[in-house]
Amino acid sequence: MARPRANLPEPAALRALIRDGSLCVRVTPGARVECITVEEGCVQIKVRAKPQGGAANEAVCLLVARALGEAGSRVRLLRGATSRDKVLQVDV
């Protein structure tokens, strides 16, 4: 059975939350489905990747880039490599 597509918000809704080139997110690794939700100004991201060897961090960066319609190299982790609360640098 094929995996369902990731549930992504409108790029404009996500871009509105970027402040000075950084985006604060809360991550849930090892989820069943990949999705990004924006609720009350808080970005919550669920990824399938496990938090081992930085796989979940890489998956988060790629998912945010895909949601924004940008290349994966335009999003990188600034802070929170081992935390659920992360700060991403987004070059838009």
PDB file of N, CA and C in Angstrom:
ATOM      1  N   MET A   1       0.841  -1.168   0.000  1.00  0.00           N
ATOM      2  CA  MET A   1       0.000   0.000   0.000  1.00  0.00           C
ATOM      3  C   MET A   1       0.893   1.240   0.000  1.00  0.00           C
ATOM      4  N   ALA A   2       0.543   2.218  -0.810  1.00  0.00           N
ATOM      5  CA  ALA A   2       1.322   3.452  -0.919  1.00  0.00           C
ATOM      6  C   ALA A   2       1.114   4.331   0.304  1.00  0.00           C
ATOM      7  N   ARG A   3       2.164   5.063   0.652  1.00  0.00           N
ATOM      8  CA  ARG A   3       2.051   5.986   1.772  1.00  0.00           C
ATOM      9  C   ARG A   3       1.268   7.219   1.343  1.00  0.00           C
ATOM     10  N   PRO A   4       0.443   7.761   2.229  1.00  0.00           N
ATOM     11  CA  PRO A   4      -0.299   8.970   1.869  1.00  0.00           C
ATOM     12  C   PRO A   4       0.643  10.164   1.765  1.00  0.00           C
ATOM     13  N   ARG A   5       0.242  11.142   0.960  1.00  0.00           N
ATOM     14  CA  ARG A   5       1.048  12.354   0.813  1.00  0.00           C
ATOM     15  C   ARG A   5       1.039  13.142   2.107  1.00  0.00           C
ATOM     16  N   ALA A   6       2.090  13.916   2.292  1.00  0.00           N
ATOM     17  CA  ALA A   6       2.197  14.747   3.487  1.00  0.00           C
ATOM     18  C   ALA A   6       1.154  15.854   3.430  1.00  0.00           C
ATOM     19  N   ASN A   7       0.553  16.136   4.568  1.00  0.00           N
ATOM     20  CA  ASN A   7      -0.421  17.202   4.692  1.00  0.00           C
ATOM     21  C   ASN A   7       0.341  18.498   4.966  1.00  0.00           C
ATOM     22  N   LEU A   8       0.373  19.418   3.986  1.00  0.00           N
ATOM     23  CA  LEU A   8       1.162  20.634   4.104  1.00  0.00           C
ATOM     24  C   LEU A   8       0.261  21.863   4.054  1.00  0.00           C
ATOM     25  N   PRO A   9       0.602  22.911   4.808  1.00  0.00           N
ATOM     26  CA  PRO A   9      -0.184  24.151   4.768  1.00  0.00           C
ATOM     27  C   PRO A   9       0.144  24.959   3.515  1.00  0.00           C
ATOM     28  N   GLU A  10      -0.611  26.006   3.293  1.00  0.00           N
ATOM     29  CA  GLU A  10      -0.324  26.924   2.194  1.00  0.00           C
ATOM     30  C   GLU A  10       1.035  27.571   2.436  1.00  0.00           C
ATOM     31  N   PRO A  11       1.850  27.745   1.395  1.00  0.00           N
ATOM     32  CA  PRO A  11       3.168  28.376   1.579  1.00  0.00           C
ATOM     33  C   PRO A  11       3.080  29.757   2.216  1.00  0.00           C
ATOM     34  N   ALA A  12       2.046  30.529   1.888  1.00  0.00           N
ATOM     35  CA  ALA A  12       1.904  31.882   2.447  1.00  0.00           C
ATOM     36  C   ALA A  12       1.697  31.839   3.960  1.00  0.00           C
ATOM     37  N   ALA A  13       0.970  30.844   4.450  1.00  0.00           N
ATOM     38  CA  ALA A  13       0.731  30.729   5.890  1.00  0.00           C
ATOM     39  C   ALA A  13       2.026  30.425   6.630  1.00  0.00           C
ATOM     40  N   LEU A  14       2.874  29.629   6.028  1.00  0.00           N
ATOM     41  CA  LEU A  14       4.154  29.273   6.641  1.00  0.00           C
ATOM     42  C   LEU A  14       5.142  30.428   6.537  1.00  0.00           C
ATOM     43  N   ARG A  15       5.157  31.108   5.391  1.00  0.00           N
ATOM     44  CA  ARG A  15       6.055  32.256   5.206  1.00  0.00           C
ATOM     45  C   ARG A  15       5.743  33.382   6.185  1.00  0.00           C
ATOM     46  N   ALA A  16       4.483  33.532   6.559  1.00  0.00           N
ATOM     47  CA  ALA A  16       4.080  34.595   7.485  1.00  0.00           C
ATOM     48  C   ALA A  16       4.693  34.401   8.872  1.00  0.00           C
ATOM     49  N   LEU A  17       5.103  33.191   9.195  1.00  0.00           N
ATOM     50  CA  LEU A  17       5.664  32.905  10.522  1.00  0.00           C
ATOM     51  C   LEU A  17       7.181  33.001  10.561  1.00  0.00           C
ATOM     52  N   ILE A  18       7.810  33.245   9.427  1.00  0.00           N
ATOM     53  CA  ILE A  18       9.269  33.369   9.378  1.00  0.00           C
ATOM     54  C   ILE A  18       9.659  34.762   9.845  1.00  0.00           C
ATOM     55  N   ARG A  19      10.486  34.838  10.883  1.00  0.00           N
ATOM     56  CA  ARG A  19      10.940  36.106  11.456  1.00  0.00           C
ATOM     57  C   ARG A  19      12.451  36.192  11.327  1.00  0.00           C
ATOM     58  N   ASP A  20      12.938  37.208  10.637  1.00  0.00           N
ATOM     59  CA  ASP A  20      14.376  37.432  10.455  1.00  0.00           C
ATOM     60  C   ASP A  20      15.081  36.196   9.896  1.00  0.00           C
ATOM     61  N   GLY A  21      14.413  35.492   9.006  1.00  0.00           N
ATOM     62  CA  GLY A  21      15.017  34.332   8.366  1.00  0.00           C
ATOM     63  C   GLY A  21      14.985  33.062   9.189  1.00  0.00           C
ATOM     64  N   SER A  22      14.297  33.082  10.348  1.00  0.00           N
ATOM     65  CA  SER A  22      14.250  31.863  11.162  1.00  0.00           C
ATOM     66  C   SER A  22      12.799  31.475  11.455  1.00  0.00           C
ATOM     67  N   LEU A  23      12.588  30.196  11.615  1.00  0.00           N
ATOM     68  CA  LEU A  23      11.271  29.632  11.866  1.00  0.00           C
ATOM     69  C   LEU A  23      11.374  28.697  13.068  1.00  0.00           C
ATOM     70  N   CYS A  24      10.555  28.947  14.091  1.00  0.00           N
ATOM     71  CA  CYS A  24      10.530  28.089  15.281  1.00  0.00           C
ATOM     72  C   CYS A  24       9.473  27.002  15.079  1.00  0.00           C
ATOM     73  N   VAL A  25       9.857  25.753  15.338  1.00  0.00           N
ATOM     74  CA  VAL A  25       8.949  24.624  15.131  1.00  0.00           C
ATOM     75  C   VAL A  25       9.029  23.658  16.311  1.00  0.00           C
ATOM     76  N   ARG A  26       8.000  22.841  16.441  1.00  0.00           N
ATOM     77  CA  ARG A  26       7.987  21.739  17.413  1.00  0.00           C
ATOM     78  C   ARG A  26       7.827  20.461  16.604  1.00  0.00           C
ATOM     79  N   VAL A  27       8.701  19.496  16.842  1.00  0.00           N
ATOM     80  CA  VAL A  27       8.793  18.297  16.001  1.00  0.00           C
ATOM     81  C   VAL A  27       8.374  17.045  16.765  1.00  0.00           C
ATOM     82  N   THR A  28       7.651  16.182  16.069  1.00  0.00           N
ATOM     83  CA  THR A  28       7.326  14.847  16.570  1.00  0.00           C
ATOM     84  C   THR A  28       7.932  13.837  15.605  1.00  0.00           C
ATOM     85  N   PRO A  29       9.050  13.207  15.976  1.00  0.00           N
ATOM     86  CA  PRO A  29       9.653  12.192  15.095  1.00  0.00           C
ATOM     87  C   PRO A  29       8.949  10.850  15.263  1.00  0.00           C
ATOM     88  N   GLY A  30       9.086   9.989  14.277  1.00  0.00           N
ATOM     89  CA  GLY A  30       8.523   8.643  14.355  1.00  0.00           C
ATOM     90  C   GLY A  30       7.014   8.609  14.249  1.00  0.00           C
ATOM     91  N   ALA A  31       6.416   9.603  13.610  1.00  0.00           N
ATOM     92  CA  ALA A  31       4.960   9.653  13.462  1.00  0.00           C
ATOM     93  C   ALA A  31       4.497   8.727  12.349  1.00  0.00           C
ATOM     94  N   ARG A  32       3.211   8.417  12.325  1.00  0.00           N
ATOM     95  CA  ARG A  32       2.661   7.556  11.278  1.00  0.00           C
ATOM     96  C   ARG A  32       2.547   8.283   9.948  1.00  0.00           C
ATOM     97  N   VAL A  33       2.214   9.574  10.011  1.00  0.00           N
ATOM     98  CA  VAL A  33       2.066  10.380   8.795  1.00  0.00           C
ATOM     99  C   VAL A  33       2.907  11.634   8.913  1.00  0.00           C
ATOM    100  N   GLU A  34       3.338  12.166   7.769  1.00  0.00           N
ATOM    101  CA  GLU A  34       4.089  13.405   7.775  1.00  0.00           C
ATOM    102  C   GLU A  34       3.122  14.555   7.547  1.00  0.00           C
ATOM    103  N   CYS A  35       3.232  15.586   8.389  1.00  0.00           N
ATOM    104  CA  CYS A  35       2.366  16.744   8.215  1.00  0.00           C
ATOM    105  C   CYS A  35       2.964  17.958   8.909  1.00  0.00           C
ATOM    106  N   ILE A  36       2.507  19.126   8.470  1.00  0.00           N
ATOM    107  CA  ILE A  36       2.850  20.388   9.108  1.00  0.00           C
ATOM    108  C   ILE A  36       1.535  21.073   9.425  1.00  0.00           C
ATOM    109  N   THR A  37       1.347  21.445  10.684  1.00  0.00           N
ATOM    110  CA  THR A  37       0.146  22.174  11.069  1.00  0.00           C
ATOM    111  C   THR A  37       0.553  23.496  11.694  1.00  0.00           C
ATOM    112  N   VAL A  38      -0.253  24.517  11.419  1.00  0.00           N
ATOM    113  CA  VAL A  38      -0.034  25.837  11.992  1.00  0.00           C
ATOM    114  C   VAL A  38      -1.262  26.160  12.819  1.00  0.00           C
ATOM    115  N   GLU A  39      -1.073  26.234  14.136  1.00  0.00           N
ATOM    116  CA  GLU A  39      -2.179  26.525  15.043  1.00  0.00           C
ATOM    117  C   GLU A  39      -1.766  27.628  15.998  1.00  0.00           C
ATOM    118  N   GLU A  40      -2.488  28.725  15.962  1.00  0.00           N
ATOM    119  CA  GLU A  40      -2.257  29.859  16.853  1.00  0.00           C
ATOM    120  C   GLU A  40      -0.805  30.332  16.799  1.00  0.00           C
ATOM    121  N   GLY A  41      -0.246  30.408  15.610  1.00  0.00           N
ATOM    122  CA  GLY A  41       1.113  30.909  15.446  1.00  0.00           C
ATOM    123  C   GLY A  41       2.206  29.919  15.793  1.00  0.00           C
ATOM    124  N   CYS A  42       1.845  28.671  16.083  1.00  0.00           N
ATOM    125  CA  CYS A  42       2.818  27.640  16.427  1.00  0.00           C
ATOM    126  C   CYS A  42       2.871  26.610  15.294  1.00  0.00           C
ATOM    127  N   VAL A  43       4.067  26.290  14.839  1.00  0.00           N
ATOM    128  CA  VAL A  43       4.245  25.323  13.760  1.00  0.00           C
ATOM    129  C   VAL A  43       4.593  23.969  14.364  1.00  0.00           C
ATOM    130  N   GLN A  44       3.769  22.979  14.089  1.00  0.00           N
ATOM    131  CA  GLN A  44       4.018  21.628  14.575  1.00  0.00           C
ATOM    132  C   GLN A  44       4.264  20.727  13.373  1.00  0.00           C
ATOM    133  N   ILE A  45       5.360  19.970  13.444  1.00  0.00           N
ATOM    134  CA  ILE A  45       5.760  19.120  12.324  1.00  0.00           C
ATOM    135  C   ILE A  45       5.861  17.681  12.801  1.00  0.00           C
ATOM    136  N   LYS A  46       5.266  16.778  12.030  1.00  0.00           N
ATOM    137  CA  LYS A  46       5.387  15.346  12.298  1.00  0.00           C
ATOM    138  C   LYS A  46       6.108  14.711  11.120  1.00  0.00           C
ATOM    139  N   VAL A  47       7.134  13.917  11.419  1.00  0.00           N
ATOM    140  CA  VAL A  47       7.889  13.211  10.383  1.00  0.00           C
ATOM    141  C   VAL A  47       7.981  11.730  10.734  1.00  0.00           C
ATOM    142  N   ARG A  48       8.108  10.899   9.715  1.00  0.00           N
ATOM    143  CA  ARG A  48       8.225   9.448   9.929  1.00  0.00           C
ATOM    144  C   ARG A  48       9.598   9.037  10.423  1.00  0.00           C
ATOM    145  N   ALA A  49      10.615   9.799  10.074  1.00  0.00           N
ATOM    146  CA  ALA A  49      11.998   9.430  10.409  1.00  0.00           C
ATOM    147  C   ALA A  49      12.203   9.352  11.918  1.00  0.00           C
ATOM    148  N   LYS A  50      13.026   8.424  12.326  1.00  0.00           N
ATOM    149  CA  LYS A  50      13.374   8.255  13.737  1.00  0.00           C
ATOM    150  C   LYS A  50      14.479   9.238  14.114  1.00  0.00           C
ATOM    151  N   PRO A  51      14.550   9.623  15.370  1.00  0.00           N
ATOM    152  CA  PRO A  51      15.572  10.593  15.793  1.00  0.00           C
ATOM    153  C   PRO A  51      16.935   9.947  16.037  1.00  0.00           C
ATOM    154  N   GLN A  52      17.431   9.260  15.050  1.00  0.00           N
ATOM    155  CA  GLN A  52      18.722   8.586  15.173  1.00  0.00           C
ATOM    156  C   GLN A  52      19.630   9.046  14.048  1.00  0.00           C
ATOM    157  N   GLY A  53      20.800   9.516  14.401  1.00  0.00           N
ATOM    158  CA  GLY A  53      21.767   9.938  13.407  1.00  0.00           C
ATOM    159  C   GLY A  53      21.366  11.192  12.635  1.00  0.00           C
ATOM    160  N   GLY A  54      20.476  11.994  13.197  1.00  0.00           N
ATOM    161  CA  GLY A  54      20.060  13.227  12.548  1.00  0.00           C
ATOM    162  C   GLY A  54      19.053  13.038  11.428  1.00  0.00           C
ATOM    163  N   ALA A  55      18.495  11.839  11.295  1.00  0.00           N
ATOM    164  CA  ALA A  55      17.550  11.561  10.212  1.00  0.00           C
ATOM    165  C   ALA A  55      16.277  12.389  10.346  1.00  0.00           C
ATOM    166  N   ALA A  56      15.781  12.544  11.564  1.00  0.00           N
ATOM    167  CA  ALA A  56      14.558  13.326  11.759  1.00  0.00           C
ATOM    168  C   ALA A  56      14.808  14.803  11.463  1.00  0.00           C
ATOM    169  N   ASN A  57      15.973  15.323  11.855  1.00  0.00           N
ATOM    170  CA  ASN A  57      16.292  16.729  11.575  1.00  0.00           C
ATOM    171  C   ASN A  57      16.342  16.981  10.073  1.00  0.00           C
ATOM    172  N   GLU A  58      16.939  16.083   9.347  1.00  0.00           N
ATOM    173  CA  GLU A  58      17.019  16.222   7.893  1.00  0.00           C
ATOM    174  C   GLU A  58      15.629  16.142   7.270  1.00  0.00           C
ATOM    175  N   ALA A  59      14.801  15.238   7.770  1.00  0.00           N
ATOM    176  CA  ALA A  59      13.439  15.099   7.254  1.00  0.00           C
ATOM    177  C   ALA A  59      12.623  16.362   7.507  1.00  0.00           C
ATOM    178  N   VAL A  60      12.827  16.987   8.664  1.00  0.00           N
ATOM    179  CA  VAL A  60      12.118  18.230   8.990  1.00  0.00           C
ATOM    180  C   VAL A  60      12.510  19.329   8.010  1.00  0.00           C
ATOM    181  N   CYS A  61      13.793  19.494   7.763  1.00  0.00           N
ATOM    182  CA  CYS A  61      14.268  20.537   6.844  1.00  0.00           C
ATOM    183  C   CYS A  61      13.710  20.323   5.442  1.00  0.00           C
ATOM    184  N   LEU A  62      13.713  19.080   4.973  1.00  0.00           N
ATOM    185  CA  LEU A  62      13.210  18.787   3.636  1.00  0.00           C
ATOM    186  C   LEU A  62      11.699  18.990   3.542  1.00  0.00           C
ATOM    187  N   LEU A  63      10.967  18.652   4.593  1.00  0.00           N
ATOM    188  CA  LEU A  63       9.517  18.821   4.584  1.00  0.00           C
ATOM    189  C   LEU A  63       9.139  20.300   4.585  1.00  0.00           C
ATOM    190  N   VAL A  64       9.848  21.103   5.368  1.00  0.00           N
ATOM    191  CA  VAL A  64       9.581  22.548   5.393  1.00  0.00           C
ATOM    192  C   VAL A  64       9.909  23.161   4.036  1.00  0.00           C
ATOM    193  N   ALA A  65      11.013  22.749   3.446  1.00  0.00           N
ATOM    194  CA  ALA A  65      11.386  23.264   2.125  1.00  0.00           C
ATOM    195  C   ALA A  65      10.322  22.903   1.091  1.00  0.00           C
ATOM    196  N   ARG A  66       9.822  21.685   1.154  1.00  0.00           N
ATOM    197  CA  ARG A  66       8.783  21.263   0.212  1.00  0.00           C
ATOM    198  C   ARG A  66       7.495  22.055   0.420  1.00  0.00           C
ATOM    199  N   ALA A  67       7.157  22.333   1.673  1.00  0.00           N
ATOM    200  CA  ALA A  67       5.951  23.109   1.971  1.00  0.00           C
ATOM    201  C   ALA A  67       6.067  24.537   1.459  1.00  0.00           C
ATOM    202  N   LEU A  68       7.285  25.085   1.467  1.00  0.00           N
ATOM    203  CA  LEU A  68       7.503  26.444   0.989  1.00  0.00           C
ATOM    204  C   LEU A  68       7.723  26.512  -0.516  1.00  0.00           C
ATOM    205  N   GLY A  69       7.910  25.365  -1.157  1.00  0.00           N
ATOM    206  CA  GLY A  69       8.186  25.338  -2.584  1.00  0.00           C
ATOM    207  C   GLY A  69       9.612  25.749  -2.901  1.00  0.00           C
ATOM    208  N   GLU A  70      10.519  25.514  -1.966  1.00  0.00           N
ATOM    209  CA  GLU A  70      11.928  25.875  -2.126  1.00  0.00           C
ATOM    210  C   GLU A  70      12.779  24.618  -2.216  1.00  0.00           C
ATOM    211  N   ALA A  71      14.042  24.809  -2.579  1.00  0.00           N
ATOM    212  CA  ALA A  71      14.991  23.697  -2.604  1.00  0.00           C
ATOM    213  C   ALA A  71      15.346  23.299  -1.174  1.00  0.00           C
ATOM    214  N   GLY A  72      15.673  22.044  -0.977  1.00  0.00           N
ATOM    215  CA  GLY A  72      16.011  21.540   0.353  1.00  0.00           C
ATOM    216  C   GLY A  72      17.215  22.221   0.970  1.00  0.00           C
ATOM    217  N   SER A  73      18.115  22.730   0.136  1.00  0.00           N
ATOM    218  CA  SER A  73      19.317  23.387   0.645  1.00  0.00           C
ATOM    219  C   SER A  73      19.032  24.777   1.218  1.00  0.00           C
ATOM    220  N   ARG A  74      17.826  25.291   1.040  1.00  0.00           N
ATOM    221  CA  ARG A  74      17.482  26.628   1.521  1.00  0.00           C
ATOM    222  C   ARG A  74      16.961  26.618   2.958  1.00  0.00           C
ATOM    223  N   VAL A  75      16.825  25.436   3.544  1.00  0.00           N
ATOM    224  CA  VAL A  75      16.369  25.305   4.932  1.00  0.00           C
ATOM    225  C   VAL A  75      17.403  24.483   5.683  1.00  0.00           C
ATOM    226  N   ARG A  76      17.866  25.018   6.819  1.00  0.00           N
ATOM    227  CA  ARG A  76      18.829  24.256   7.631  1.00  0.00           C
ATOM    228  C   ARG A  76      18.566  24.477   9.109  1.00  0.00           C
ATOM    229  N   LEU A  77      19.040  23.569   9.914  1.00  0.00           N
ATOM    230  CA  LEU A  77      18.832  23.608  11.350  1.00  0.00           C
ATOM    231  C   LEU A  77      19.811  24.580  11.998  1.00  0.00           C
ATOM    232  N   LEU A  78      19.273  25.518  12.781  1.00  0.00           N
ATOM    233  CA  LEU A  78      20.123  26.448  13.526  1.00  0.00           C
ATOM    234  C   LEU A  78      20.341  25.973  14.962  1.00  0.00           C
ATOM    235  N   ARG A  79      19.235  25.669  15.644  1.00  0.00           N
ATOM    236  CA  ARG A  79      19.309  25.248  17.050  1.00  0.00           C
ATOM    237  C   ARG A  79      18.319  24.122  17.313  1.00  0.00           C
ATOM    238  N   GLY A  80      18.658  23.298  18.296  1.00  0.00           N
ATOM    239  CA  GLY A  80      17.744  22.259  18.733  1.00  0.00           C
ATOM    240  C   GLY A  80      17.974  20.906  18.107  1.00  0.00           C
ATOM    241  N   ALA A  81      19.219  20.549  17.844  1.00  0.00           N
ATOM    242  CA  ALA A  81      19.519  19.278  17.186  1.00  0.00           C
ATOM    243  C   ALA A  81      18.983  18.077  17.973  1.00  0.00           C
ATOM    244  N   THR A  82      18.981  18.155  19.304  1.00  0.00           N
ATOM    245  CA  THR A  82      18.511  17.032  20.111  1.00  0.00           C
ATOM    246  C   THR A  82      17.222  17.351  20.854  1.00  0.00           C
ATOM    247  N   SER A  83      16.613  18.476  20.547  1.00  0.00           N
ATOM    248  CA  SER A  83      15.393  18.911  21.219  1.00  0.00           C
ATOM    249  C   SER A  83      14.203  18.784  20.273  1.00  0.00           C
ATOM    250  N   ARG A  84      12.999  18.728  20.840  1.00  0.00           N
ATOM    251  CA  ARG A  84      11.796  18.724  20.008  1.00  0.00           C
ATOM    252  C   ARG A  84      11.485  20.117  19.499  1.00  0.00           C
ATOM    253  N   ASP A  85      11.924  21.143  20.234  1.00  0.00           N
ATOM    254  CA  ASP A  85      11.755  22.534  19.805  1.00  0.00           C
ATOM    255  C   ASP A  85      12.989  22.945  19.027  1.00  0.00           C
ATOM    256  N   LYS A  86      12.790  23.339  17.784  1.00  0.00           N
ATOM    257  CA  LYS A  86      13.918  23.628  16.892  1.00  0.00           C
ATOM    258  C   LYS A  86      13.748  25.003  16.265  1.00  0.00           C
ATOM    259  N   VAL A  87      14.877  25.580  15.851  1.00  0.00           N
ATOM    260  CA  VAL A  87      14.876  26.818  15.100  1.00  0.00           C
ATOM    261  C   VAL A  87      15.546  26.527  13.763  1.00  0.00           C
ATOM    262  N   LEU A  88      14.827  26.802  12.682  1.00  0.00           N
ATOM    263  CA  LEU A  88      15.320  26.549  11.341  1.00  0.00           C
ATOM    264  C   LEU A  88      15.656  27.869  10.657  1.00  0.00           C
ATOM    265  N   GLN A  89      16.732  27.889   9.898  1.00  0.00           N
ATOM    266  CA  GLN A  89      17.045  29.050   9.079  1.00  0.00           C
ATOM    267  C   GLN A  89      16.448  28.807   7.713  1.00  0.00           C
ATOM    268  N   VAL A  90      15.665  29.783   7.253  1.00  0.00           N
ATOM    269  CA  VAL A  90      14.990  29.642   5.957  1.00  0.00           C
ATOM    270  C   VAL A  90      15.432  30.798   5.074  1.00  0.00           C
ATOM    271  N   ASP A  91      16.064  30.487   3.935  1.00  0.00           N
ATOM    272  CA  ASP A  91      16.470  31.497   2.965  1.00  0.00           C
ATOM    273  C   ASP A  91      15.389  31.610   1.904  1.00  0.00           C
ATOM    274  N   VAL A  92      14.547  32.617   2.045  1.00  0.00           N
ATOM    275  CA  VAL A  92      13.446  32.812   1.093  1.00  0.00           C
ATOM    276  C   VAL A  92      13.700  34.020   0.230  1.00  0.00           C
TER     277      VAL A  92
END
